[in-house]
PDB file of N, CA and C in Angstrom:
ATOM      1  N   MET A   1     -15.385 -14.470 -23.045  1.00  0.00           N
ATOM      2  CA  MET A   1     -15.279 -15.896 -23.257  1.00  0.00           C
ATOM      3  C   MET A   1     -16.132 -16.351 -24.443  1.00  0.00           C
ATOM      4  N   PRO A   2     -17.390 -15.870 -24.608  1.00  0.00           N
ATOM      5  CA  PRO A   2     -18.202 -16.333 -25.723  1.00  0.00           C
ATOM      6  C   PRO A   2     -17.647 -15.931 -27.088  1.00  0.00           C
ATOM      7  N   ARG A   3     -16.705 -15.029 -27.123  1.00  0.00           N
ATOM      8  CA  ARG A   3     -16.093 -14.651 -28.401  1.00  0.00           C
ATOM      9  C   ARG A   3     -14.981 -15.616 -28.786  1.00  0.00           C
ATOM     10  N   HIS A   4     -14.556 -16.449 -27.847  1.00  0.00           N
ATOM     11  CA  HIS A   4     -13.415 -17.323 -28.086  1.00  0.00           C
ATOM     12  C   HIS A   4     -13.764 -18.802 -28.170  1.00  0.00           C
ATOM     13  N   ILE A   5     -14.847 -19.198 -27.523  1.00  0.00           N
ATOM     14  CA  ILE A   5     -15.237 -20.604 -27.552  1.00  0.00           C
ATOM     15  C   ILE A   5     -16.752 -20.665 -27.795  1.00  0.00           C
ATOM     16  N   PRO A   6     -17.276 -21.855 -28.107  1.00  0.00           N
ATOM     17  CA  PRO A   6     -18.711 -21.954 -28.360  1.00  0.00           C
ATOM     18  C   PRO A   6     -19.548 -21.386 -27.195  1.00  0.00           C
ATOM     19  N   LEU A   7     -20.628 -20.720 -27.539  1.00  0.00           N
ATOM     20  CA  LEU A   7     -21.474 -20.019 -26.567  1.00  0.00           C
ATOM     21  C   LEU A   7     -21.917 -20.927 -25.423  1.00  0.00           C
ATOM     22  N   LYS A   8     -22.394 -22.099 -25.711  1.00  0.00           N
ATOM     23  CA  LYS A   8     -22.908 -22.978 -24.666  1.00  0.00           C
ATOM     24  C   LYS A   8     -21.819 -23.397 -23.684  1.00  0.00           C
ATOM     25  N   ILE A   9     -20.621 -23.657 -24.199  1.00  0.00           N
ATOM     26  CA  ILE A   9     -19.502 -24.002 -23.339  1.00  0.00           C
ATOM     27  C   ILE A   9     -19.139 -22.805 -22.468  1.00  0.00           C
ATOM     28  N   ALA A  10     -19.040 -21.637 -23.098  1.00  0.00           N
ATOM     29  CA  ALA A  10     -18.693 -20.422 -22.363  1.00  0.00           C
ATOM     30  C   ALA A  10     -19.739 -20.118 -21.291  1.00  0.00           C
ATOM     31  N   MET A  11     -21.003 -20.196 -21.629  1.00  0.00           N
ATOM     32  CA  MET A  11     -22.062 -19.895 -20.662  1.00  0.00           C
ATOM     33  C   MET A  11     -22.026 -20.891 -19.494  1.00  0.00           C
ATOM     34  N   GLY A  12     -21.783 -22.157 -19.801  1.00  0.00           N
ATOM     35  CA  GLY A  12     -21.695 -23.151 -18.735  1.00  0.00           C
ATOM     36  C   GLY A  12     -20.579 -22.803 -17.769  1.00  0.00           C
ATOM     37  N   MET A  13     -19.458 -22.405 -18.299  1.00  0.00           N
ATOM     38  CA  MET A  13     -18.316 -22.046 -17.442  1.00  0.00           C
ATOM     39  C   MET A  13     -18.613 -20.758 -16.663  1.00  0.00           C
ATOM     40  N   MET A  14     -19.173 -19.774 -17.349  1.00  0.00           N
ATOM     41  CA  MET A  14     -19.409 -18.485 -16.705  1.00  0.00           C
ATOM     42  C   MET A  14     -20.494 -18.562 -15.648  1.00  0.00           C
ATOM     43  N   LEU A  15     -21.555 -19.332 -15.906  1.00  0.00           N
ATOM     44  CA  LEU A  15     -22.673 -19.374 -14.953  1.00  0.00           C
ATOM     45  C   LEU A  15     -22.368 -20.259 -13.756  1.00  0.00           C
ATOM     46  N   THR A  16     -21.477 -21.215 -13.911  1.00  0.00           N
ATOM     47  CA  THR A  16     -21.180 -22.119 -12.792  1.00  0.00           C
ATOM     48  C   THR A  16     -19.859 -21.819 -12.114  1.00  0.00           C
ATOM     49  N   GLY A  17     -18.995 -21.082 -12.792  1.00  0.00           N
ATOM     50  CA  GLY A  17     -17.662 -20.817 -12.250  1.00  0.00           C
ATOM     51  C   GLY A  17     -16.755 -22.040 -12.347  1.00  0.00           C
ATOM     52  N   ARG A  18     -17.172 -23.022 -13.161  1.00  0.00           N
ATOM     53  CA  ARG A  18     -16.409 -24.256 -13.313  1.00  0.00           C
ATOM     54  C   ARG A  18     -15.050 -23.975 -13.958  1.00  0.00           C
ATOM     55  N   HIS A  19     -14.037 -24.561 -13.392  1.00  0.00           N
ATOM     56  CA  HIS A  19     -12.694 -24.470 -13.951  1.00  0.00           C
ATOM     57  C   HIS A  19     -12.545 -25.548 -15.021  1.00  0.00           C
ATOM     58  N   ILE A  20     -11.627 -25.310 -15.958  1.00  0.00           N
ATOM     59  CA  ILE A  20     -11.355 -26.315 -16.973  1.00  0.00           C
ATOM     60  C   ILE A  20      -9.889 -26.750 -16.856  1.00  0.00           C
ATOM     61  N   THR A  21      -9.645 -27.917 -17.355  1.00  0.00           N
ATOM     62  CA  THR A  21      -8.278 -28.456 -17.342  1.00  0.00           C
ATOM     63  C   THR A  21      -7.489 -27.838 -18.515  1.00  0.00           C
ATOM     64  N   ALA A  22      -6.203 -28.033 -18.456  1.00  0.00           N
ATOM     65  CA  ALA A  22      -5.357 -27.575 -19.559  1.00  0.00           C
ATOM     66  C   ALA A  22      -5.748 -28.265 -20.851  1.00  0.00           C
ATOM     67  N   ALA A  23      -6.084 -29.537 -20.777  1.00  0.00           N
ATOM     68  CA  ALA A  23      -6.495 -30.288 -21.977  1.00  0.00           C
ATOM     69  C   ALA A  23      -7.782 -29.696 -22.563  1.00  0.00           C
ATOM     70  N   GLU A  24      -8.740 -29.311 -21.696  1.00  0.00           N
ATOM     71  CA  GLU A  24      -9.958 -28.694 -22.185  1.00  0.00           C
ATOM     72  C   GLU A  24      -9.669 -27.327 -22.800  1.00  0.00           C
ATOM     73  N   ALA A  25      -8.787 -26.577 -22.172  1.00  0.00           N
ATOM     74  CA  ALA A  25      -8.416 -25.268 -22.725  1.00  0.00           C
ATOM     75  C   ALA A  25      -7.810 -25.429 -24.114  1.00  0.00           C
ATOM     76  N   HIS A  26      -7.031 -26.465 -24.289  1.00  0.00           N
ATOM     77  CA  HIS A  26      -6.434 -26.730 -25.595  1.00  0.00           C
ATOM     78  C   HIS A  26      -7.511 -27.136 -26.579  1.00  0.00           C
ATOM     79  N   ARG A  27      -8.399 -28.024 -26.177  1.00  0.00           N
ATOM     80  CA  ARG A  27      -9.468 -28.507 -27.065  1.00  0.00           C
ATOM     81  C   ARG A  27     -10.352 -27.366 -27.541  1.00  0.00           C
ATOM     82  N   TRP A  28     -10.596 -26.377 -26.689  1.00  0.00           N
ATOM     83  CA  TRP A  28     -11.464 -25.247 -27.041  1.00  0.00           C
ATOM     84  C   TRP A  28     -10.678 -24.102 -27.679  1.00  0.00           C
ATOM     85  N   GLY A  29      -9.401 -24.280 -27.902  1.00  0.00           N
ATOM     86  CA  GLY A  29      -8.620 -23.277 -28.602  1.00  0.00           C
ATOM     87  C   GLY A  29      -8.215 -22.077 -27.760  1.00  0.00           C
ATOM     88  N   LEU A  30      -8.214 -22.218 -26.453  1.00  0.00           N
ATOM     89  CA  LEU A  30      -7.817 -21.112 -25.580  1.00  0.00           C
ATOM     90  C   LEU A  30      -6.303 -21.052 -25.387  1.00  0.00           C
ATOM     91  N   VAL A  31      -5.631 -22.151 -25.649  1.00  0.00           N
ATOM     92  CA  VAL A  31      -4.160 -22.193 -25.585  1.00  0.00           C
ATOM     93  C   VAL A  31      -3.660 -22.934 -26.830  1.00  0.00           C
ATOM     94  N   ASN A  32      -2.453 -22.647 -27.229  1.00  0.00           N
ATOM     95  CA  ASN A  32      -1.880 -23.264 -28.408  1.00  0.00           C
ATOM     96  C   ASN A  32      -1.360 -24.660 -28.167  1.00  0.00           C
ATOM     97  N   GLU A  33      -0.871 -24.873 -26.959  1.00  0.00           N
ATOM     98  CA  GLU A  33      -0.180 -26.130 -26.678  1.00  0.00           C
ATOM     99  C   GLU A  33      -0.178 -26.354 -25.187  1.00  0.00           C
ATOM    100  N   VAL A  34      -0.241 -27.606 -24.769  1.00  0.00           N
ATOM    101  CA  VAL A  34      -0.148 -27.975 -23.356  1.00  0.00           C
ATOM    102  C   VAL A  34       1.078 -28.869 -23.205  1.00  0.00           C
ATOM    103  N   VAL A  35       1.959 -28.483 -22.279  1.00  0.00           N
ATOM    104  CA  VAL A  35       3.173 -29.252 -22.035  1.00  0.00           C
ATOM    105  C   VAL A  35       3.370 -29.425 -20.533  1.00  0.00           C
ATOM    106  N   ALA A  36       4.222 -30.348 -20.194  1.00  0.00           N
ATOM    107  CA  ALA A  36       4.589 -30.549 -18.789  1.00  0.00           C
ATOM    108  C   ALA A  36       5.367 -29.315 -18.300  1.00  0.00           C
ATOM    109  N   LEU A  37       5.256 -29.025 -17.035  1.00  0.00           N
ATOM    110  CA  LEU A  37       5.922 -27.860 -16.462  1.00  0.00           C
ATOM    111  C   LEU A  37       7.424 -27.872 -16.762  1.00  0.00           C
ATOM    112  N   LYS A  38       8.024 -29.037 -16.726  1.00  0.00           N
ATOM    113  CA  LYS A  38       9.465 -29.124 -16.983  1.00  0.00           C
ATOM    114  C   LYS A  38       9.816 -28.726 -18.423  1.00  0.00           C
ATOM    115  N   ASP A  39       8.846 -28.779 -19.336  1.00  0.00           N
ATOM    116  CA  ASP A  39       9.081 -28.436 -20.738  1.00  0.00           C
ATOM    117  C   ASP A  39       8.612 -27.018 -21.101  1.00  0.00           C
ATOM    118  N   LEU A  40       8.068 -26.313 -20.122  1.00  0.00           N
ATOM    119  CA  LEU A  40       7.459 -25.015 -20.407  1.00  0.00           C
ATOM    120  C   LEU A  40       8.439 -24.012 -20.986  1.00  0.00           C
ATOM    121  N   ALA A  41       9.585 -23.812 -20.379  1.00  0.00           N
ATOM    122  CA  ALA A  41      10.562 -22.825 -20.851  1.00  0.00           C
ATOM    123  C   ALA A  41      11.044 -23.170 -22.254  1.00  0.00           C
ATOM    124  N   ALA A  42      11.365 -24.422 -22.496  1.00  0.00           N
ATOM    125  CA  ALA A  42      11.856 -24.841 -23.820  1.00  0.00           C
ATOM    126  C   ALA A  42      10.758 -24.647 -24.874  1.00  0.00           C
ATOM    127  N   THR A  43       9.516 -24.930 -24.496  1.00  0.00           N
ATOM    128  CA  THR A  43       8.410 -24.761 -25.452  1.00  0.00           C
ATOM    129  C   THR A  43       8.198 -23.291 -25.769  1.00  0.00           C
ATOM    130  N   ALA A  44       8.238 -22.437 -24.750  1.00  0.00           N
ATOM    131  CA  ALA A  44       8.088 -20.991 -24.986  1.00  0.00           C
ATOM    132  C   ALA A  44       9.226 -20.469 -25.856  1.00  0.00           C
ATOM    133  N   GLU A  45      10.433 -20.945 -25.611  1.00  0.00           N
ATOM    134  CA  GLU A  45      11.581 -20.543 -26.433  1.00  0.00           C
ATOM    135  C   GLU A  45      11.429 -21.010 -27.889  1.00  0.00           C
ATOM    136  N   ARG A  46      10.869 -22.211 -28.068  1.00  0.00           N
ATOM    137  CA  ARG A  46      10.634 -22.725 -29.434  1.00  0.00           C
ATOM    138  C   ARG A  46       9.619 -21.858 -30.152  1.00  0.00           C
ATOM    139  N   TRP A  47       8.525 -21.505 -29.457  1.00  0.00           N
ATOM    140  CA  TRP A  47       7.514 -20.617 -30.077  1.00  0.00           C
ATOM    141  C   TRP A  47       8.151 -19.273 -30.449  1.00  0.00           C
ATOM    142  N   ALA A  48       8.923 -18.706 -29.557  1.00  0.00           N
ATOM    143  CA  ALA A  48       9.566 -17.419 -29.814  1.00  0.00           C
ATOM    144  C   ALA A  48      10.521 -17.528 -30.997  1.00  0.00           C
ATOM    145  N   ALA A  49      11.287 -18.594 -31.066  1.00  0.00           N
ATOM    146  CA  ALA A  49      12.232 -18.794 -32.163  1.00  0.00           C
ATOM    147  C   ALA A  49      11.503 -18.913 -33.502  1.00  0.00           C
ATOM    148  N   GLU A  50      10.373 -19.625 -33.508  1.00  0.00           N
ATOM    149  CA  GLU A  50       9.610 -19.760 -34.746  1.00  0.00           C
ATOM    150  C   GLU A  50       9.072 -18.405 -35.209  1.00  0.00           C
ATOM    151  N   ILE A  51       8.605 -17.598 -34.284  1.00  0.00           N
ATOM    152  CA  ILE A  51       8.105 -16.271 -34.625  1.00  0.00           C
ATOM    153  C   ILE A  51       9.253 -15.400 -35.132  1.00  0.00           C
ATOM    154  N   MET A  52      10.396 -15.510 -34.481  1.00  0.00           N
ATOM    155  CA  MET A  52      11.546 -14.675 -34.854  1.00  0.00           C
ATOM    156  C   MET A  52      12.132 -15.056 -36.220  1.00  0.00           C
ATOM    157  N   GLU A  53      11.794 -16.218 -36.734  1.00  0.00           N
ATOM    158  CA  GLU A  53      12.244 -16.586 -38.085  1.00  0.00           C
ATOM    159  C   GLU A  53      11.489 -15.814 -39.153  1.00  0.00           C
ATOM    160  N   CYS A  54      10.345 -15.291 -38.798  1.00  0.00           N
ATOM    161  CA  CYS A  54       9.512 -14.545 -39.737  1.00  0.00           C
ATOM    162  C   CYS A  54       9.996 -13.104 -39.846  1.00  0.00           C
ATOM    163  N   ALA A  55       9.634 -12.453 -40.920  1.00  0.00           N
ATOM    164  CA  ALA A  55       9.996 -11.052 -41.118  1.00  0.00           C
ATOM    165  C   ALA A  55       9.349 -10.223 -40.011  1.00  0.00           C
ATOM    166  N   PRO A  56      10.130  -9.421 -39.279  1.00  0.00           N
ATOM    167  CA  PRO A  56       9.567  -8.608 -38.216  1.00  0.00           C
ATOM    168  C   PRO A  56       8.414  -7.715 -38.681  1.00  0.00           C
ATOM    169  N   ILE A  57       8.542  -7.167 -39.874  1.00  0.00           N
ATOM    170  CA  ILE A  57       7.483  -6.289 -40.381  1.00  0.00           C
ATOM    171  C   ILE A  57       6.198  -7.081 -40.658  1.00  0.00           C
ATOM    172  N   SER A  58       6.354  -8.353 -41.033  1.00  0.00           N
ATOM    173  CA  SER A  58       5.207  -9.216 -41.258  1.00  0.00           C
ATOM    174  C   SER A  58       4.523  -9.582 -39.941  1.00  0.00           C
ATOM    175  N   VAL A  59       5.333  -9.835 -38.910  1.00  0.00           N
ATOM    176  CA  VAL A  59       4.775 -10.135 -37.598  1.00  0.00           C
ATOM    177  C   VAL A  59       3.982  -8.931 -37.087  1.00  0.00           C
ATOM    178  N   GLN A  60       4.534  -7.727 -37.250  1.00  0.00           N
ATOM    179  CA  GLN A  60       3.843  -6.496 -36.843  1.00  0.00           C
ATOM    180  C   GLN A  60       2.519  -6.344 -37.593  1.00  0.00           C
ATOM    181  N   ALA A  61       2.552  -6.554 -38.892  1.00  0.00           N
ATOM    182  CA  ALA A  61       1.336  -6.392 -39.700  1.00  0.00           C
ATOM    183  C   ALA A  61       0.278  -7.408 -39.305  1.00  0.00           C
ATOM    184  N   THR A  62       0.693  -8.638 -39.052  1.00  0.00           N
ATOM    185  CA  THR A  62      -0.241  -9.672 -38.653  1.00  0.00           C
ATOM    186  C   THR A  62      -0.890  -9.328 -37.327  1.00  0.00           C
ATOM    187  N   LYS A  63      -0.088  -8.896 -36.354  1.00  0.00           N
ATOM    188  CA  LYS A  63      -0.635  -8.530 -35.054  1.00  0.00           C
ATOM    189  C   LYS A  63      -1.604  -7.360 -35.152  1.00  0.00           C
ATOM    190  N   GLU A  64      -1.218  -6.337 -35.922  1.00  0.00           N
ATOM    191  CA  GLU A  64      -2.093  -5.179 -36.075  1.00  0.00           C
ATOM    192  C   GLU A  64      -3.429  -5.557 -36.692  1.00  0.00           C
ATOM    193  N   ALA A  65      -3.378  -6.322 -37.786  1.00  0.00           N
ATOM    194  CA  ALA A  65      -4.622  -6.715 -38.450  1.00  0.00           C
ATOM    195  C   ALA A  65      -5.491  -7.602 -37.555  1.00  0.00           C
ATOM    196  N   ALA A  66      -4.870  -8.515 -36.823  1.00  0.00           N
ATOM    197  CA  ALA A  66      -5.635  -9.407 -35.950  1.00  0.00           C
ATOM    198  C   ALA A  66      -6.314  -8.639 -34.842  1.00  0.00           C
ATOM    199  N   TYR A  67      -5.573  -7.790 -34.142  1.00  0.00           N
ATOM    200  CA  TYR A  67      -6.148  -7.058 -33.014  1.00  0.00           C
ATOM    201  C   TYR A  67      -7.137  -5.979 -33.450  1.00  0.00           C
ATOM    202  N   ALA A  68      -6.779  -5.215 -34.458  1.00  0.00           N
ATOM    203  CA  ALA A  68      -7.689  -4.149 -34.924  1.00  0.00           C
ATOM    204  C   ALA A  68      -8.937  -4.776 -35.579  1.00  0.00           C
ATOM    205  N   GLY A  69      -8.744  -5.888 -36.271  1.00  0.00           N
ATOM    206  CA  GLY A  69      -9.868  -6.536 -36.924  1.00  0.00           C
ATOM    207  C   GLY A  69     -10.872  -7.161 -35.986  1.00  0.00           C
ATOM    208  N   LEU A  70     -10.503  -7.404 -34.742  1.00  0.00           N
ATOM    209  CA  LEU A  70     -11.438  -7.971 -33.777  1.00  0.00           C
ATOM    210  C   LEU A  70     -12.650  -7.075 -33.563  1.00  0.00           C
ATOM    211  N   HIS A  71     -12.480  -5.795 -33.745  1.00  0.00           N
ATOM    212  CA  HIS A  71     -13.552  -4.834 -33.470  1.00  0.00           C
ATOM    213  C   HIS A  71     -14.319  -4.446 -34.734  1.00  0.00           C
ATOM    214  N   MET A  72     -14.102  -5.208 -35.800  1.00  0.00           N
ATOM    215  CA  MET A  72     -14.750  -4.936 -37.096  1.00  0.00           C
ATOM    216  C   MET A  72     -15.531  -6.153 -37.551  1.00  0.00           C
ATOM    217  N   SER A  73     -16.460  -5.916 -38.449  1.00  0.00           N
ATOM    218  CA  SER A  73     -17.103  -7.054 -39.100  1.00  0.00           C
ATOM    219  C   SER A  73     -16.059  -7.702 -40.003  1.00  0.00           C
ATOM    220  N   LEU A  74     -16.313  -8.931 -40.386  1.00  0.00           N
ATOM    221  CA  LEU A  74     -15.389  -9.639 -41.281  1.00  0.00           C
ATOM    222  C   LEU A  74     -15.227  -8.867 -42.592  1.00  0.00           C
ATOM    223  N   GLU A  75     -16.336  -8.379 -43.131  1.00  0.00           N
ATOM    224  CA  GLU A  75     -16.270  -7.632 -44.383  1.00  0.00           C
ATOM    225  C   GLU A  75     -15.422  -6.388 -44.244  1.00  0.00           C
ATOM    226  N   GLU A  76     -15.604  -5.633 -43.139  1.00  0.00           N
ATOM    227  CA  GLU A  76     -14.845  -4.412 -42.934  1.00  0.00           C
ATOM    228  C   GLU A  76     -13.361  -4.719 -42.747  1.00  0.00           C
ATOM    229  N   ALA A  77     -13.064  -5.759 -41.977  1.00  0.00           N
ATOM    230  CA  ALA A  77     -11.660  -6.135 -41.745  1.00  0.00           C
ATOM    231  C   ALA A  77     -10.986  -6.536 -43.063  1.00  0.00           C
ATOM    232  N   CYS A  78     -11.705  -7.245 -43.916  1.00  0.00           N
ATOM    233  CA  CYS A  78     -11.129  -7.653 -45.195  1.00  0.00           C
ATOM    234  C   CYS A  78     -10.919  -6.471 -46.138  1.00  0.00           C
ATOM    235  N   ARG A  79     -11.717  -5.441 -46.014  1.00  0.00           N
ATOM    236  CA  ARG A  79     -11.585  -4.257 -46.864  1.00  0.00           C
ATOM    237  C   ARG A  79     -10.542  -3.269 -46.336  1.00  0.00           C
ATOM    238  N   THR A  80     -10.206  -3.370 -45.062  1.00  0.00           N
ATOM    239  CA  THR A  80      -9.327  -2.391 -44.439  1.00  0.00           C
ATOM    240  C   THR A  80      -7.875  -2.601 -44.857  1.00  0.00           C
ATOM    241  N   ASN A  81      -7.220  -1.510 -45.178  1.00  0.00           N
ATOM    242  CA  ASN A  81      -5.791  -1.535 -45.492  1.00  0.00           C
ATOM    243  C   ASN A  81      -5.071  -1.022 -44.239  1.00  0.00           C
ATOM    244  N   PHE A  82      -4.627  -1.913 -43.391  1.00  0.00           N
ATOM    245  CA  PHE A  82      -3.985  -1.532 -42.147  1.00  0.00           C
ATOM    246  C   PHE A  82      -2.616  -0.926 -42.442  1.00  0.00           C
ATOM    247  N   PRO A  83      -2.219   0.088 -41.671  1.00  0.00           N
ATOM    248  CA  PRO A  83      -0.938   0.776 -41.916  1.00  0.00           C
ATOM    249  C   PRO A  83       0.266  -0.172 -41.938  1.00  0.00           C
ATOM    250  N   ALA A  84       0.345  -1.088 -41.003  1.00  0.00           N
ATOM    251  CA  ALA A  84       1.509  -1.987 -40.962  1.00  0.00           C
ATOM    252  C   ALA A  84       1.528  -2.904 -42.182  1.00  0.00           C
ATOM    253  N   SER A  85       0.358  -3.300 -42.667  1.00  0.00           N
ATOM    254  CA  SER A  85       0.285  -4.134 -43.879  1.00  0.00           C
ATOM    255  C   SER A  85       0.779  -3.350 -45.085  1.00  0.00           C
ATOM    256  N   LYS A  86       0.397  -2.088 -45.154  1.00  0.00           N
ATOM    257  CA  LYS A  86       0.844  -1.244 -46.261  1.00  0.00           C
ATOM    258  C   LYS A  86       2.375  -1.132 -46.249  1.00  0.00           C
ATOM    259  N   ARG A  87       2.949  -0.908 -45.034  1.00  0.00           N
ATOM    260  CA  ARG A  87       4.404  -0.834 -44.926  1.00  0.00           C
ATOM    261  C   ARG A  87       5.046  -2.163 -45.343  1.00  0.00           C
ATOM    262  N   MET A  88       4.426  -3.261 -44.931  1.00  0.00           N
ATOM    263  CA  MET A  88       4.967  -4.577 -45.261  1.00  0.00           C
ATOM    264  C   MET A  88       4.996  -4.783 -46.763  1.00  0.00           C
ATOM    265  N   TYR A  89       3.908  -4.463 -47.464  1.00  0.00           N
ATOM    266  CA  TYR A  89       3.848  -4.677 -48.907  1.00  0.00           C
ATOM    267  C   TYR A  89       4.810  -3.789 -49.683  1.00  0.00           C
ATOM    268  N   GLN A  90       5.236  -2.691 -49.067  1.00  0.00           N
ATOM    269  CA  GLN A  90       6.177  -1.764 -49.712  1.00  0.00           C
ATOM    270  C   GLN A  90       7.603  -1.982 -49.255  1.00  0.00           C
ATOM    271  N   SER A  91       7.829  -3.007 -48.445  1.00  0.00           N
ATOM    272  CA  SER A  91       9.151  -3.204 -47.848  1.00  0.00           C
ATOM    273  C   SER A  91      10.096  -4.036 -48.720  1.00  0.00           C
ATOM    274  N   LYS A  92      11.366  -3.927 -48.405  1.00  0.00           N
ATOM    275  CA  LYS A  92      12.367  -4.751 -49.061  1.00  0.00           C
ATOM    276  C   LYS A  92      12.194  -6.213 -48.657  1.00  0.00           C
ATOM    277  N   ASP A  93      11.695  -6.426 -47.436  1.00  0.00           N
ATOM    278  CA  ASP A  93      11.485  -7.792 -46.987  1.00  0.00           C
ATOM    279  C   ASP A  93      10.413  -8.510 -47.809  1.00  0.00           C
ATOM    280  N   GLN A  94       9.500  -7.763 -48.414  1.00  0.00           N
ATOM    281  CA  GLN A  94       8.483  -8.360 -49.283  1.00  0.00           C
ATOM    282  C   GLN A  94       9.133  -9.008 -50.505  1.00  0.00           C
ATOM    283  N   ILE A  95      10.273  -8.506 -50.891  1.00  0.00           N
ATOM    284  CA  ILE A  95      11.028  -9.076 -52.019  1.00  0.00           C
ATOM    285  C   ILE A  95      11.955 -10.187 -51.519  1.00  0.00           C
ATOM    286  N   GLU A  96      12.542  -9.976 -50.326  1.00  0.00           N
ATOM    287  CA  GLU A  96      13.507 -10.924 -49.777  1.00  0.00           C
ATOM    288  C   GLU A  96      12.880 -12.293 -49.491  1.00  0.00           C
ATOM    289  N   GLY A  97      11.656 -12.328 -48.983  1.00  0.00           N
ATOM    290  CA  GLY A  97      11.032 -13.605 -48.632  1.00  0.00           C
ATOM    291  C   GLY A  97      10.920 -14.558 -49.816  1.00  0.00           C
ATOM    292  N   PRO A  98      10.252 -14.140 -50.898  1.00  0.00           N
ATOM    293  CA  PRO A  98      10.152 -15.033 -52.058  1.00  0.00           C
ATOM    294  C   PRO A  98      11.505 -15.336 -52.716  1.00  0.00           C
ATOM    295  N   ARG A  99      12.410 -14.366 -52.692  1.00  0.00           N
ATOM    296  CA  ARG A  99      13.730 -14.588 -53.270  1.00  0.00           C
ATOM    297  C   ARG A  99      14.473 -15.671 -52.493  1.00  0.00           C
ATOM    298  N   ALA A 100      14.448 -15.573 -51.156  1.00  0.00           N
ATOM    299  CA  ALA A 100      15.110 -16.579 -50.313  1.00  0.00           C
ATOM    300  C   ALA A 100      14.493 -17.952 -50.536  1.00  0.00           C
ATOM    301  N   PHE A 101      13.172 -18.003 -50.649  1.00  0.00           N
ATOM    302  CA  PHE A 101      12.493 -19.270 -50.901  1.00  0.00           C
ATOM    303  C   PHE A 101      12.956 -19.865 -52.233  1.00  0.00           C
ATOM    304  N   ALA A 102      12.981 -19.048 -53.278  1.00  0.00           N
ATOM    305  CA  ALA A 102      13.395 -19.527 -54.601  1.00  0.00           C
ATOM    306  C   ALA A 102      14.844 -19.989 -54.610  1.00  0.00           C
ATOM    307  N   GLU A 103      15.674 -19.324 -53.791  1.00  0.00           N
ATOM    308  CA  GLU A 103      17.094 -19.673 -53.739  1.00  0.00           C
ATOM    309  C   GLU A 103      17.393 -20.743 -52.675  1.00  0.00           C
ATOM    310  N   LYS A 104      16.333 -21.255 -52.046  1.00  0.00           N
ATOM    311  CA  LYS A 104      16.430 -22.316 -51.034  1.00  0.00           C
ATOM    312  C   LYS A 104      17.406 -21.960 -49.906  1.00  0.00           C
ATOM    313  N   ARG A 105      17.230 -20.724 -49.371  1.00  0.00           N
ATOM    314  CA  ARG A 105      18.050 -20.263 -48.265  1.00  0.00           C
ATOM    315  C   ARG A 105      17.178 -19.532 -47.252  1.00  0.00           C
ATOM    316  N   LYS A 106      17.709 -19.351 -46.070  1.00  0.00           N
ATOM    317  CA  LYS A 106      16.990 -18.579 -45.056  1.00  0.00           C
ATOM    318  C   LYS A 106      16.972 -17.121 -45.452  1.00  0.00           C
ATOM    319  N   PRO A 107      15.861 -16.425 -45.240  1.00  0.00           N
ATOM    320  CA  PRO A 107      15.819 -15.016 -45.575  1.00  0.00           C
ATOM    321  C   PRO A 107      16.669 -14.172 -44.651  1.00  0.00           C
ATOM    322  N   ASN A 108      17.161 -13.076 -45.169  1.00  0.00           N
ATOM    323  CA  ASN A 108      17.951 -12.120 -44.395  1.00  0.00           C
ATOM    324  C   ASN A 108      17.051 -10.870 -44.223  1.00  0.00           C
ATOM    325  N   TRP A 109      16.223 -10.899 -43.182  1.00  0.00           N
ATOM    326  CA  TRP A 109      15.242  -9.821 -42.966  1.00  0.00           C
ATOM    327  C   TRP A 109      15.970  -8.528 -42.604  1.00  0.00           C
ATOM    328  N   LYS A 110      15.535  -7.445 -43.185  1.00  0.00           N
ATOM    329  CA  LYS A 110      16.099  -6.105 -42.915  1.00  0.00           C
ATOM    330  C   LYS A 110      15.141  -5.227 -42.117  1.00  0.00           C
ATOM    331  N   ASN A 111      13.872  -5.638 -42.056  1.00  0.00           N
ATOM    332  CA  ASN A 111      12.820  -4.857 -41.398  1.00  0.00           C
ATOM    333  C   ASN A 111      12.712  -3.454 -42.002  1.00  0.00           C
ATOM    334  N   GLU A 112      12.850  -3.430 -43.315  1.00  0.00           N
ATOM    335  CA  GLU A 112      12.711  -2.157 -44.025  1.00  0.00           C
ATOM    336  C   GLU A 112      12.079  -2.390 -45.386  1.00  0.00           C
TER     337      GLU A 112
END
């Protein structure tokens, strides 16, 4: 918990066992969005659709760098050339993204 929210807030929760509301979880950055239960499925589908619009190889590279970088200092993470990032920079999709943007069209990701 102290790695995700301010130390004093985390310690208060951990030492007392106090629960937090969804609004507090959102305020402290533990969740991306708070919605009514009736809107939950549609919201999850919207998040998934937004992610799926991105190049799959870019999503993979982002996830790898984020998770692997958690165990590194900031300096080390910035210096590290993660394998998925290397594949992304050498991919056809690296060319397709800017080309689609320049041509004002949706990209046609190939994941290669």
